[in-house]
Protein backbone atom coordinates (compact mmCIF):
# COMPACT_ATOMS: atom_id res chain seq x y z
CA MET A 1 92.73 -59.73 -65.48
CA SER A 2 94.95 -60.80 -62.58
CA THR A 3 97.33 -57.80 -63.18
CA VAL A 4 94.42 -55.41 -63.10
CA CYS A 5 92.98 -56.94 -59.82
CA SER A 6 96.63 -56.94 -58.32
CA ASP A 7 97.17 -53.34 -59.31
CA ARG A 8 93.80 -52.39 -57.65
CA LEU A 9 94.86 -54.32 -54.56
CA LYS A 10 98.08 -52.40 -54.40
CA ILE A 11 96.27 -49.12 -54.80
CA MET A 12 93.87 -50.04 -52.10
CA GLN A 13 96.52 -51.06 -49.64
CA ASP A 14 98.35 -47.80 -50.45
CA ASN A 15 95.29 -45.80 -49.61
CA HIS A 16 94.68 -47.87 -46.64
CA THR A 17 98.19 -47.32 -45.32
CA ASN A 18 97.90 -43.49 -46.08
CA GLY A 19 94.69 -43.37 -44.14
CA ILE A 20 96.15 -45.09 -41.23
CA SER A 21 99.13 -42.78 -40.99
CA ASN A 22 96.83 -39.71 -41.28
CA ILE A 23 94.55 -41.07 -38.44
CA ARG A 24 97.72 -41.67 -36.33
CA SER A 25 99.15 -38.34 -36.88
CA LEU A 26 95.76 -36.62 -35.96
CA ALA A 27 95.47 -38.71 -32.93
CA LYS A 28 99.00 -37.85 -31.86
CA LYS A 29 98.39 -34.14 -32.54
CA CYS A 30 95.24 -34.12 -30.49
CA LEU A 31 96.41 -36.25 -27.52
CA LEU A 32 100.10 -34.96 -27.17
CA HIS A 33 99.80 -31.50 -28.24
CA ASP A 34 96.07 -30.32 -27.68
CA TYR A 35 95.34 -32.10 -24.46
CA LEU A 36 99.02 -32.33 -23.32
CA VAL A 37 98.72 -35.90 -22.27
CA ASP A 38 101.86 -37.23 -20.23
CA HIS A 39 103.12 -33.61 -19.89
CA ALA A 40 104.76 -33.21 -16.69
CA THR A 41 103.88 -29.87 -14.97
CA SER A 42 106.27 -30.38 -12.03
CA LYS A 43 103.65 -28.69 -9.63
CA THR A 44 101.57 -30.30 -6.94
CA PRO A 45 97.86 -29.36 -7.42
CA SER A 46 96.88 -26.83 -4.76
CA ARG A 47 93.66 -26.96 -2.77
CA GLN A 48 90.82 -24.78 -3.75
CA THR A 49 88.77 -23.11 -1.15
CA ILE A 50 85.15 -23.91 -1.13
CA ASN A 51 82.70 -21.24 0.16
CA VAL A 52 80.28 -23.24 2.28
CA PRO A 53 77.09 -21.28 3.23
CA SER A 54 76.57 -20.57 6.74
CA LEU A 55 73.59 -22.29 8.62
CA ALA A 56 71.75 -18.85 8.88
CA SER A 57 71.87 -18.37 5.31
CA ILE A 58 70.55 -21.84 4.60
CA GLU A 59 67.74 -21.30 7.04
CA GLU A 60 66.66 -18.22 5.27
CA LEU A 61 66.22 -20.14 1.98
CA ARG A 62 63.97 -22.82 3.58
CA THR A 63 60.33 -22.52 3.06
CA SER A 64 57.64 -24.30 5.01
CA ILE A 65 55.77 -27.02 3.23
CA CYS A 66 52.44 -25.39 3.90
CA ASP A 67 53.52 -22.21 2.14
CA LEU A 68 54.70 -24.32 -0.92
CA VAL A 69 51.53 -26.40 -1.15
CA SER A 70 49.30 -23.48 -0.82
CA GLU A 71 51.51 -21.67 -3.64
CA PHE A 72 51.12 -24.53 -6.12
CA LYS A 73 47.64 -25.94 -5.13
CA PRO A 74 44.25 -24.27 -5.89
CA GLU A 75 42.76 -22.29 -3.05
CA ASN A 76 40.01 -24.83 -2.36
CA VAL A 77 42.37 -27.58 -1.36
CA VAL A 78 44.06 -25.79 1.50
CA LYS A 79 41.47 -25.30 4.34
CA ARG A 80 41.47 -24.53 8.00
CA ASP A 81 39.87 -26.94 10.36
CA SER A 82 37.56 -25.93 13.37
CA GLU A 83 40.82 -25.07 15.52
CA GLY A 84 42.20 -22.76 12.81
CA LYS A 85 44.95 -25.17 11.74
CA ARG A 86 45.65 -25.40 8.16
CA GLN A 87 44.62 -28.79 6.55
CA LEU A 88 46.30 -29.79 3.25
CA TYR A 89 43.69 -32.15 2.16
CA PRO A 90 40.64 -32.11 4.33
CA SER A 91 38.96 -35.40 4.89
CA LYS A 92 35.69 -35.87 3.07
CA GLN A 93 32.86 -36.98 5.65
CA THR A 94 31.08 -40.10 4.32
CA SER A 95 28.98 -42.53 6.21
CA ARG A 96 30.74 -45.57 4.78
CA SER A 97 34.01 -47.05 6.13
CA PRO A 98 37.07 -46.54 3.96
CA LEU A 99 37.15 -50.13 2.78
CA THR A 100 33.64 -50.70 1.93
CA PRO A 101 33.10 -51.14 -1.84
CA VAL A 102 31.26 -48.33 -3.45
CA ASN A 103 28.94 -50.53 -5.68
């Protein structure tokens, strides 16, 4: 019985050792060869130029908030007051003060 167990233990240790060596070789292949870790290039990285848009081109992209709200809200929400100015949310005229309870 003990020889069977010791043989199984030996086989399991051999399989474990083989598995570890396979993992190490795959890790070495991936890290050293595929990703070139610790590979000296002998080059100083060069600066890349960044294309920054001009102020005029940024201003062309800007949209007023009233135009955006009128585009995404229903038409009955955006109204004009007596002076012709646009109101986003016209106030409802009620006889009670804002802090008075309804009930």
